Amino acid sequence: MKRIVTALVLIPIVLVLVFLGPRWQWLFTMAVAAVTALAGWEYMGLAEREGFKPPRIAVLVALLTLFAGNFQWPDRTLAIFGVLSLGLLVYCTFLSPIEQVMADASASIFCLVYIGFTMMALPALREETNGPSLVAFLLCVVWGGDTAALYIGRALGRHKLAPTISPNKSWEGAFGSVAGSLAAVGILLGLASLAERWDSAKLSFPDEWWYWLLLAVVVNIAAQVGDLTESALKRSAGVKDSGTLLPGHGGVLDRVDALLLAAPVLWYAQLIHSRF
């Protein structure tokens, strides 16, 4: 019940942020940056359980600066990322105990890559011509797949998918996740077709329907790998959840783990598709 109530509260807020007009891009970017900071904080807690001691405040400043720089100078993102990475390295070099420098610098820069650089794909996607539709597509793939995997896995799961990483996940749940994503995207495409008849541009998927269904499978697989990746990090740190901020869901990092791979995969797929 906690899981359902939390979802019912958060999903409308997320959808409002997604479909606000282009002039509200700054608010969407700020919201994603805030979520990224919370997820980064939880990641650093996991790292500390493994003996790393990343400078939490410095890493949070780097994460938020990455988003601010990307918003202001989107064509300079890689340069900003490089400067921030080197800055964290220098910070750890002079302010971490000498025996901790390599561990602290590695954990800090990895946080910037694993959580910061990947989550930046969300505002990048929303800035595209049909940006809100792309973000809605991404969320439908992740949410639809996650929901189907949960219930189908519990009901039919017999064959373990990755027992050493996540013992509760099964191949049946994985295939159910793909089916759930396809169903969710199918409904989304149907809504877009209705919106087009009503001369509404809120939902727009200009390519053939089969392209979006194929892309849904690719993004779903990326989402499942992202989920398993975070599970491996948690298992390495000896914890079940990354935090307790979201009742019934665990921590913020537990909720965005699938997006950490799914969002950049969708962004790169769209980038490649636009070139051909």
C-alpha atoms as a PDB file:
ATOM      1  CA  MET A   1       0.000   0.000   0.000  1.00  0.00           C
ATOM      2  CA  LYS A   2       2.856   2.401   0.793  1.00  0.00           C
ATOM      3  CA  ARG A   3       4.309   1.682  -2.634  1.00  0.00           C
ATOM      4  CA  ILE A   4       0.995   2.487  -4.348  1.00  0.00           C
ATOM      5  CA  VAL A   5       0.328   5.660  -2.337  1.00  0.00           C
ATOM      6  CA  THR A   6       3.826   6.992  -3.004  1.00  0.00           C
ATOM      7  CA  ALA A   7       3.401   6.332  -6.731  1.00  0.00           C
ATOM      8  CA  LEU A   8      -0.023   8.022  -6.793  1.00  0.00           C
ATOM      9  CA  VAL A   9       1.498  11.136  -5.213  1.00  0.00           C
ATOM     10  CA  LEU A  10       4.666  11.334  -7.314  1.00  0.00           C
ATOM     11  CA  ILE A  11       3.446  10.331 -10.797  1.00  0.00           C
ATOM     12  CA  PRO A  12       1.119  13.345 -11.310  1.00  0.00           C
ATOM     13  CA  ILE A  13       3.876  15.719 -10.162  1.00  0.00           C
ATOM     14  CA  VAL A  14       6.348  14.160 -12.602  1.00  0.00           C
ATOM     15  CA  LEU A  15       3.875  14.316 -15.508  1.00  0.00           C
ATOM     16  CA  VAL A  16       3.081  17.977 -14.823  1.00  0.00           C
ATOM     17  CA  LEU A  17       6.798  18.811 -14.914  1.00  0.00           C
ATOM     18  CA  VAL A  18       7.205  16.852 -18.150  1.00  0.00           C
ATOM     19  CA  PHE A  19       4.350  18.558 -20.001  1.00  0.00           C
ATOM     20  CA  LEU A  20       4.837  22.132 -18.860  1.00  0.00           C
ATOM     21  CA  GLY A  21       5.605  24.504 -21.731  1.00  0.00           C
ATOM     22  CA  PRO A  22       9.135  25.000 -23.133  1.00  0.00           C
ATOM     23  CA  ARG A  23       9.669  28.130 -21.048  1.00  0.00           C
ATOM     24  CA  TRP A  24       9.541  25.892 -17.964  1.00  0.00           C
ATOM     25  CA  GLN A  25      12.552  23.859 -19.052  1.00  0.00           C
ATOM     26  CA  TRP A  26      14.528  25.438 -16.215  1.00  0.00           C
ATOM     27  CA  LEU A  27      12.068  24.059 -13.648  1.00  0.00           C
ATOM     28  CA  PHE A  28      12.250  20.565 -15.123  1.00  0.00           C
ATOM     29  CA  THR A  29      16.057  20.764 -15.105  1.00  0.00           C
ATOM     30  CA  MET A  30      16.051  21.931 -11.482  1.00  0.00           C
ATOM     31  CA  ALA A  31      13.765  19.064 -10.465  1.00  0.00           C
ATOM     32  CA  VAL A  32      15.982  16.491 -12.191  1.00  0.00           C
ATOM     33  CA  ALA A  33      19.067  18.091 -10.620  1.00  0.00           C
ATOM     34  CA  ALA A  34      17.475  17.845  -7.156  1.00  0.00           C
ATOM     35  CA  VAL A  35      16.629  14.165  -7.680  1.00  0.00           C
ATOM     36  CA  THR A  36      20.170  13.595  -8.939  1.00  0.00           C
ATOM     37  CA  ALA A  37      21.628  15.220  -5.841  1.00  0.00           C
ATOM     38  CA  LEU A  38      19.523  12.995  -3.569  1.00  0.00           C
ATOM     39  CA  ALA A  39      20.498   9.881  -5.533  1.00  0.00           C
ATOM     40  CA  GLY A  40      24.143  10.959  -5.427  1.00  0.00           C
ATOM     41  CA  TRP A  41      23.960  11.409  -1.661  1.00  0.00           C
ATOM     42  CA  GLU A  42      22.604   7.876  -1.292  1.00  0.00           C
ATOM     43  CA  TYR A  43      25.280   6.490  -3.606  1.00  0.00           C
ATOM     44  CA  MET A  44      27.972   8.083  -1.458  1.00  0.00           C
ATOM     45  CA  GLY A  45      26.416   6.399   1.560  1.00  0.00           C
ATOM     46  CA  LEU A  46      26.837   3.053  -0.222  1.00  0.00           C
ATOM     47  CA  ALA A  47      30.424   3.935  -1.077  1.00  0.00           C
ATOM     48  CA  GLU A  48      31.187   4.747   2.557  1.00  0.00           C
ATOM     49  CA  ARG A  49      30.011   1.296   3.621  1.00  0.00           C
ATOM     50  CA  GLU A  50      32.765  -0.086   1.362  1.00  0.00           C
ATOM     51  CA  GLY A  51      35.450   2.074   2.968  1.00  0.00           C
ATOM     52  CA  PHE A  52      35.429   4.946   0.474  1.00  0.00           C
ATOM     53  CA  LYS A  53      35.079   8.453   1.819  1.00  0.00           C
ATOM     54  CA  PRO A  54      34.040  10.701  -1.075  1.00  0.00           C
ATOM     55  CA  PRO A  55      33.711  14.391  -0.126  1.00  0.00           C
ATOM     56  CA  ARG A  56      29.928  14.592  -0.067  1.00  0.00           C
ATOM     57  CA  ILE A  57      29.531  18.364  -0.307  1.00  0.00           C
ATOM     58  CA  ALA A  58      32.112  18.717  -3.066  1.00  0.00           C
ATOM     59  CA  VAL A  59      30.456  15.943  -5.088  1.00  0.00           C
ATOM     60  CA  LEU A  60      26.992  17.487  -4.635  1.00  0.00           C
ATOM     61  CA  VAL A  61      28.341  20.852  -5.776  1.00  0.00           C
ATOM     62  CA  ALA A  62      29.874  19.152  -8.812  1.00  0.00           C
ATOM     63  CA  LEU A  63      26.574  17.396  -9.654  1.00  0.00           C
ATOM     64  CA  LEU A  64      24.546  20.597  -9.425  1.00  0.00           C
ATOM     65  CA  THR A  65      27.186  22.569 -11.332  1.00  0.00           C
ATOM     66  CA  LEU A  66      27.058  19.969 -14.092  1.00  0.00           C
ATOM     67  CA  PHE A  67      23.327  20.550 -14.534  1.00  0.00           C
ATOM     68  CA  ALA A  68      23.636  24.329 -14.308  1.00  0.00           C
ATOM     69  CA  GLY A  69      26.442  24.344 -16.855  1.00  0.00           C
ATOM     70  CA  ASN A  70      24.552  22.041 -19.202  1.00  0.00           C
ATOM     71  CA  PHE A  71      21.473  24.277 -18.989  1.00  0.00           C
ATOM     72  CA  GLN A  72      23.418  27.453 -19.678  1.00  0.00           C
ATOM     73  CA  TRP A  73      25.952  26.107 -22.181  1.00  0.00           C
ATOM     74  CA  PRO A  74      24.591  22.792 -23.576  1.00  0.00           C
ATOM     75  CA  ASP A  75      27.284  22.694 -26.257  1.00  0.00           C
ATOM     76  CA  ARG A  76      30.008  22.764 -23.590  1.00  0.00           C
ATOM     77  CA  THR A  77      28.772  19.837 -21.495  1.00  0.00           C
ATOM     78  CA  LEU A  78      31.765  17.565 -22.076  1.00  0.00           C
ATOM     79  CA  ALA A  79      34.189  20.369 -21.250  1.00  0.00           C
ATOM     80  CA  ILE A  80      32.285  21.174 -18.045  1.00  0.00           C
ATOM     81  CA  PHE A  81      32.211  17.502 -17.108  1.00  0.00           C
ATOM     82  CA  GLY A  82      35.982  17.225 -17.654  1.00  0.00           C
ATOM     83  CA  VAL A  83      36.717  20.289 -15.536  1.00  0.00           C
ATOM     84  CA  LEU A  84      34.517  19.030 -12.707  1.00  0.00           C
ATOM     85  CA  SER A  85      36.121  15.571 -12.812  1.00  0.00           C
ATOM     86  CA  LEU A  86      39.605  17.052 -12.621  1.00  0.00           C
ATOM     87  CA  GLY A  87      38.410  19.382  -9.869  1.00  0.00           C
ATOM     88  CA  LEU A  88      37.231  16.429  -7.760  1.00  0.00           C
ATOM     89  CA  LEU A  89      40.557  14.687  -8.375  1.00  0.00           C
ATOM     90  CA  VAL A  90      42.507  17.732  -7.165  1.00  0.00           C
ATOM     91  CA  TYR A  91      40.145  18.152  -4.193  1.00  0.00           C
ATOM     92  CA  CYS A  92      40.704  14.567  -3.073  1.00  0.00           C
ATOM     93  CA  THR A  93      44.447  14.822  -3.726  1.00  0.00           C
ATOM     94  CA  PHE A  94      44.903  17.599  -1.197  1.00  0.00           C
ATOM     95  CA  LEU A  95      42.049  17.080   1.257  1.00  0.00           C
ATOM     96  CA  SER A  96      41.714  13.298   1.588  1.00  0.00           C
ATOM     97  CA  PRO A  97      44.087  11.222   3.735  1.00  0.00           C
ATOM     98  CA  ILE A  98      46.897  10.054   1.489  1.00  0.00           C
ATOM     99  CA  GLU A  99      45.894   6.404   1.816  1.00  0.00           C
ATOM    100  CA  GLN A 100      42.337   7.328   0.714  1.00  0.00           C
ATOM    101  CA  VAL A 101      43.112   9.537  -2.289  1.00  0.00           C
ATOM    102  CA  MET A 102      42.637   6.907  -5.011  1.00  0.00           C
ATOM    103  CA  ALA A 103      39.504   5.439  -3.427  1.00  0.00           C
ATOM    104  CA  ASP A 104      37.900   8.810  -2.694  1.00  0.00           C
ATOM    105  CA  ALA A 105      38.684  10.291  -6.103  1.00  0.00           C
ATOM    106  CA  SER A 106      37.436   7.167  -7.898  1.00  0.00           C
ATOM    107  CA  ALA A 107      34.164   7.095  -5.956  1.00  0.00           C
ATOM    108  CA  SER A 108      33.623  10.830  -6.462  1.00  0.00           C
ATOM    109  CA  ILE A 109      34.210  10.846 -10.213  1.00  0.00           C
ATOM    110  CA  PHE A 110      32.214   7.629 -10.662  1.00  0.00           C
ATOM    111  CA  CYS A 111      29.269   9.308  -8.913  1.00  0.00           C
ATOM    112  CA  LEU A 112      29.543  12.192 -11.379  1.00  0.00           C
ATOM    113  CA  VAL A 113      29.459   9.727 -14.300  1.00  0.00           C
ATOM    114  CA  TYR A 114      27.018   7.105 -13.019  1.00  0.00           C
ATOM    115  CA  ILE A 115      24.421   9.494 -11.643  1.00  0.00           C
ATOM    116  CA  GLY A 116      25.155  13.000 -12.936  1.00  0.00           C
ATOM    117  CA  PHE A 117      26.089  12.412 -16.568  1.00  0.00           C
ATOM    118  CA  THR A 118      23.352   9.817 -17.089  1.00  0.00           C
ATOM    119  CA  MET A 119      20.545  11.859 -15.522  1.00  0.00           C
ATOM    120  CA  MET A 120      21.446  14.824 -17.730  1.00  0.00           C
ATOM    121  CA  ALA A 121      19.898  12.837 -20.581  1.00  0.00           C
ATOM    122  CA  LEU A 122      16.455  13.719 -19.167  1.00  0.00           C
ATOM    123  CA  PRO A 123      16.617  17.496 -19.732  1.00  0.00           C
ATOM    124  CA  ALA A 124      18.459  16.819 -23.006  1.00  0.00           C
ATOM    125  CA  LEU A 125      15.562  14.633 -24.189  1.00  0.00           C
ATOM    126  CA  ARG A 126      12.964  17.188 -23.112  1.00  0.00           C
ATOM    127  CA  GLU A 127      14.672  19.896 -25.167  1.00  0.00           C
ATOM    128  CA  GLU A 128      14.101  17.941 -28.385  1.00  0.00           C
ATOM    129  CA  THR A 129      11.322  18.985 -30.784  1.00  0.00           C
ATOM    130  CA  ASN A 130       8.932  16.409 -29.311  1.00  0.00           C
ATOM    131  CA  GLY A 131      10.774  16.398 -25.989  1.00  0.00           C
ATOM    132  CA  PRO A 132       7.852  15.941 -23.563  1.00  0.00           C
ATOM    133  CA  SER A 133       6.638  13.005 -25.671  1.00  0.00           C
ATOM    134  CA  LEU A 134      10.094  11.406 -25.551  1.00  0.00           C
ATOM    135  CA  VAL A 135      10.264  11.741 -21.773  1.00  0.00           C
ATOM    136  CA  ALA A 136       6.723  10.341 -21.475  1.00  0.00           C
ATOM    137  CA  PHE A 137       7.785   7.435 -23.700  1.00  0.00           C
ATOM    138  CA  LEU A 138      10.785   6.789 -21.446  1.00  0.00           C
ATOM    139  CA  LEU A 139       8.668   6.859 -18.294  1.00  0.00           C
ATOM    140  CA  CYS A 140       6.046   4.547 -19.814  1.00  0.00           C
ATOM    141  CA  VAL A 141       8.732   2.048 -20.773  1.00  0.00           C
ATOM    142  CA  VAL A 142      10.276   2.090 -17.295  1.00  0.00           C
ATOM    143  CA  TRP A 143       7.072   2.236 -15.245  1.00  0.00           C
ATOM    144  CA  GLY A 144       5.169  -0.244 -17.403  1.00  0.00           C
ATOM    145  CA  GLY A 145       8.079  -2.674 -17.414  1.00  0.00           C
ATOM    146  CA  ASP A 146       8.728  -2.327 -13.689  1.00  0.00           C
ATOM    147  CA  THR A 147       5.070  -2.918 -12.782  1.00  0.00           C
ATOM    148  CA  ALA A 148       4.692  -5.935 -15.071  1.00  0.00           C
ATOM    149  CA  ALA A 149       7.962  -7.465 -13.856  1.00  0.00           C
ATOM    150  CA  LEU A 150       6.855  -7.146 -10.236  1.00  0.00           C
ATOM    151  CA  TYR A 151       3.517  -8.919 -10.618  1.00  0.00           C
ATOM    152  CA  ILE A 152       4.431 -11.421 -13.344  1.00  0.00           C
ATOM    153  CA  GLY A 153       7.654 -12.289 -11.554  1.00  0.00           C
ATOM    154  CA  ARG A 154       5.811 -12.951  -8.308  1.00  0.00           C
ATOM    155  CA  ALA A 155       3.125 -15.027  -9.994  1.00  0.00           C
ATOM    156  CA  LEU A 156       5.150 -16.987 -12.540  1.00  0.00           C
ATOM    157  CA  GLY A 157       8.820 -16.537 -11.671  1.00  0.00           C
ATOM    158  CA  ARG A 158      10.641 -19.875 -11.622  1.00  0.00           C
ATOM    159  CA  HIS A 159      13.966 -19.356 -13.377  1.00  0.00           C
ATOM    160  CA  LYS A 160      16.415 -16.956 -11.720  1.00  0.00           C
ATOM    161  CA  LEU A 161      17.726 -14.152 -13.914  1.00  0.00           C
ATOM    162  CA  ALA A 162      20.803 -13.134 -11.904  1.00  0.00           C
ATOM    163  CA  PRO A 163      20.726 -14.939  -8.529  1.00  0.00           C
ATOM    164  CA  THR A 164      24.030 -13.541  -7.266  1.00  0.00           C
ATOM    165  CA  ILE A 165      22.937  -9.955  -7.977  1.00  0.00           C
ATOM    166  CA  SER A 166      19.184  -9.953  -7.357  1.00  0.00           C
ATOM    167  CA  PRO A 167      17.767 -13.302  -6.163  1.00  0.00           C
ATOM    168  CA  ASN A 168      14.134 -12.229  -6.594  1.00  0.00           C
ATOM    169  CA  LYS A 169      14.397 -11.408 -10.293  1.00  0.00           C
ATOM    170  CA  SER A 170      13.417 -14.088 -12.789  1.00  0.00           C
ATOM    171  CA  TRP A 171      13.477 -14.608 -16.533  1.00  0.00           C
ATOM    172  CA  GLU A 172       9.695 -14.734 -16.470  1.00  0.00           C
ATOM    173  CA  GLY A 173       9.647 -11.319 -14.816  1.00  0.00           C
ATOM    174  CA  ALA A 174      12.161 -10.003 -17.347  1.00  0.00           C
ATOM    175  CA  PHE A 175      10.043 -11.084 -20.317  1.00  0.00           C
ATOM    176  CA  GLY A 176       6.972  -9.767 -18.514  1.00  0.00           C
ATOM    177  CA  SER A 177       8.765  -6.447 -18.152  1.00  0.00           C
ATOM    178  CA  VAL A 178       9.285  -6.244 -21.909  1.00  0.00           C
ATOM    179  CA  ALA A 179       5.613  -7.079 -22.475  1.00  0.00           C
ATOM    180  CA  GLY A 180       4.567  -4.432 -19.935  1.00  0.00           C
ATOM    181  CA  SER A 181       6.670  -1.788 -21.669  1.00  0.00           C
ATOM    182  CA  LEU A 182       5.215  -2.705 -25.053  1.00  0.00           C
ATOM    183  CA  ALA A 183       1.691  -2.503 -23.656  1.00  0.00           C
ATOM    184  CA  ALA A 184       2.356   0.872 -22.027  1.00  0.00           C
ATOM    185  CA  VAL A 185       3.900   2.283 -25.209  1.00  0.00           C
ATOM    186  CA  GLY A 186       1.019   0.888 -27.263  1.00  0.00           C
ATOM    187  CA  ILE A 187      -1.431   2.809 -25.062  1.00  0.00           C
ATOM    188  CA  LEU A 188       0.748   5.918 -25.325  1.00  0.00           C
ATOM    189  CA  LEU A 189       0.783   5.693 -29.130  1.00  0.00           C
ATOM    190  CA  GLY A 190      -2.986   5.315 -29.084  1.00  0.00           C
ATOM    191  CA  LEU A 191      -3.330   8.447 -26.965  1.00  0.00           C
ATOM    192  CA  ALA A 192      -0.995  10.289 -29.343  1.00  0.00           C
ATOM    193  CA  SER A 193      -3.184   9.257 -32.275  1.00  0.00           C
ATOM    194  CA  LEU A 194      -6.258  10.621 -30.491  1.00  0.00           C
ATOM    195  CA  ALA A 195      -4.401  13.830 -29.642  1.00  0.00           C
ATOM    196  CA  GLU A 196      -3.505  14.252 -33.316  1.00  0.00           C
ATOM    197  CA  ARG A 197      -7.175  13.962 -34.297  1.00  0.00           C
ATOM    198  CA  TRP A 198      -7.956  16.710 -31.789  1.00  0.00           C
ATOM    199  CA  ASP A 199      -5.165  18.883 -33.246  1.00  0.00           C
ATOM    200  CA  SER A 200      -3.188  18.652 -30.025  1.00  0.00           C
ATOM    201  CA  ALA A 201       0.613  18.620 -30.086  1.00  0.00           C
ATOM    202  CA  LYS A 202       1.018  17.463 -26.497  1.00  0.00           C
ATOM    203  CA  LEU A 203       1.944  13.948 -27.661  1.00  0.00           C
ATOM    204  CA  SER A 204       3.905  13.501 -30.868  1.00  0.00           C
ATOM    205  CA  PHE A 205       5.603  10.383 -32.229  1.00  0.00           C
ATOM    206  CA  PRO A 206       6.450  11.185 -35.864  1.00  0.00           C
ATOM    207  CA  ASP A 207       8.018   7.879 -36.899  1.00  0.00           C
ATOM    208  CA  GLU A 208       6.317   4.584 -37.749  1.00  0.00           C
ATOM    209  CA  TRP A 209       4.648   2.736 -34.872  1.00  0.00           C
ATOM    210  CA  TRP A 210       6.993  -0.236 -35.229  1.00  0.00           C
ATOM    211  CA  TYR A 211      10.014   2.015 -34.588  1.00  0.00           C
ATOM    212  CA  TRP A 212       8.672   3.041 -31.201  1.00  0.00           C
ATOM    213  CA  LEU A 213       7.816  -0.538 -30.227  1.00  0.00           C
ATOM    214  CA  LEU A 214      11.305  -1.687 -31.230  1.00  0.00           C
ATOM    215  CA  LEU A 215      12.800   1.223 -29.306  1.00  0.00           C
ATOM    216  CA  ALA A 216      10.653   0.278 -26.307  1.00  0.00           C
ATOM    217  CA  VAL A 217      12.296  -3.169 -26.232  1.00  0.00           C
ATOM    218  CA  VAL A 218      15.799  -1.656 -26.435  1.00  0.00           C
ATOM    219  CA  VAL A 219      15.096   0.908 -23.703  1.00  0.00           C
ATOM    220  CA  ASN A 220      13.414  -1.729 -21.524  1.00  0.00           C
ATOM    221  CA  ILE A 221      16.507  -3.945 -21.695  1.00  0.00           C
ATOM    222  CA  ALA A 222      18.658  -0.942 -20.749  1.00  0.00           C
ATOM    223  CA  ALA A 223      16.318  -0.215 -17.836  1.00  0.00           C
ATOM    224  CA  GLN A 224      16.548  -3.792 -16.567  1.00  0.00           C
ATOM    225  CA  VAL A 225      20.345  -3.710 -16.806  1.00  0.00           C
ATOM    226  CA  GLY A 226      20.306  -0.401 -14.919  1.00  0.00           C
ATOM    227  CA  ASP A 227      18.206  -1.989 -12.187  1.00  0.00           C
ATOM    228  CA  LEU A 228      20.600  -4.926 -11.926  1.00  0.00           C
ATOM    229  CA  THR A 229      23.607  -2.596 -11.862  1.00  0.00           C
ATOM    230  CA  GLU A 230      22.288  -0.729  -8.844  1.00  0.00           C
ATOM    231  CA  SER A 231      21.350  -4.035  -7.199  1.00  0.00           C
ATOM    232  CA  ALA A 232      24.952  -5.181  -7.641  1.00  0.00           C
ATOM    233  CA  LEU A 233      26.223  -1.986  -6.007  1.00  0.00           C
ATOM    234  CA  LYS A 234      23.830  -2.429  -3.069  1.00  0.00           C
ATOM    235  CA  ARG A 235      24.719  -6.092  -2.657  1.00  0.00           C
ATOM    236  CA  SER A 236      28.402  -5.158  -2.724  1.00  0.00           C
ATOM    237  CA  ALA A 237      27.708  -2.677   0.088  1.00  0.00           C
ATOM    238  CA  GLY A 238      25.579  -5.197   1.988  1.00  0.00           C
ATOM    239  CA  VAL A 239      22.297  -3.248   1.981  1.00  0.00           C
ATOM    240  CA  LYS A 240      18.799  -3.944   0.640  1.00  0.00           C
ATOM    241  CA  ASP A 241      17.793  -0.355  -0.186  1.00  0.00           C
ATOM    242  CA  SER A 242      19.849   2.728  -0.963  1.00  0.00           C
ATOM    243  CA  GLY A 243      17.734   4.795   1.450  1.00  0.00           C
ATOM    244  CA  THR A 244      14.352   5.201   3.126  1.00  0.00           C
ATOM    245  CA  LEU A 245      13.118   8.510   1.714  1.00  0.00           C
ATOM    246  CA  LEU A 246      10.300   7.016  -0.398  1.00  0.00           C
ATOM    247  CA  PRO A 247       7.890   4.807   1.614  1.00  0.00           C
ATOM    248  CA  GLY A 248       7.473   1.408  -0.004  1.00  0.00           C
ATOM    249  CA  HIS A 249      10.125   2.153  -2.615  1.00  0.00           C
ATOM    250  CA  GLY A 250      13.329   2.545  -0.617  1.00  0.00           C
ATOM    251  CA  GLY A 251      15.609   5.388  -1.604  1.00  0.00           C
ATOM    252  CA  VAL A 252      15.696   7.828  -4.494  1.00  0.00           C
ATOM    253  CA  LEU A 253      18.506   5.860  -6.136  1.00  0.00           C
ATOM    254  CA  ASP A 254      16.286   2.760  -5.999  1.00  0.00           C
ATOM    255  CA  ARG A 255      13.644   4.628  -8.016  1.00  0.00           C
ATOM    256  CA  VAL A 256      15.913   6.126 -10.683  1.00  0.00           C
ATOM    257  CA  ASP A 257      18.274   3.168 -11.131  1.00  0.00           C
ATOM    258  CA  ALA A 258      16.566   2.034 -14.340  1.00  0.00           C
ATOM    259  CA  LEU A 259      16.635   5.575 -15.748  1.00  0.00           C
ATOM    260  CA  LEU A 260      20.396   5.798 -15.261  1.00  0.00           C
ATOM    261  CA  LEU A 261      20.887   3.545 -18.278  1.00  0.00           C
ATOM    262  CA  ALA A 262      17.529   3.830 -20.026  1.00  0.00           C
ATOM    263  CA  ALA A 263      17.605   7.633 -20.396  1.00  0.00           C
ATOM    264  CA  PRO A 264      21.031   7.863 -22.096  1.00  0.00           C
ATOM    265  CA  VAL A 265      20.233   4.821 -24.269  1.00  0.00           C
ATOM    266  CA  LEU A 266      17.065   6.561 -25.510  1.00  0.00           C
ATOM    267  CA  TRP A 267      18.946   9.812 -26.076  1.00  0.00           C
ATOM    268  CA  TYR A 268      21.727   8.094 -28.030  1.00  0.00           C
ATOM    269  CA  ALA A 269      19.195   6.037 -30.000  1.00  0.00           C
ATOM    270  CA  GLN A 270      17.375   9.205 -31.029  1.00  0.00           C
ATOM    271  CA  LEU A 271      20.670  10.879 -31.902  1.00  0.00           C
ATOM    272  CA  ILE A 272      21.692   7.949 -34.110  1.00  0.00           C
ATOM    273  CA  HIS A 273      18.220   7.757 -35.659  1.00  0.00           C
ATOM    274  CA  SER A 274      18.346  11.448 -36.581  1.00  0.00           C
ATOM    275  CA  ARG A 275      21.562  10.871 -38.516  1.00  0.00           C
ATOM    276  CA  PHE A 276      20.103   8.130 -40.730  1.00  0.00           C
END
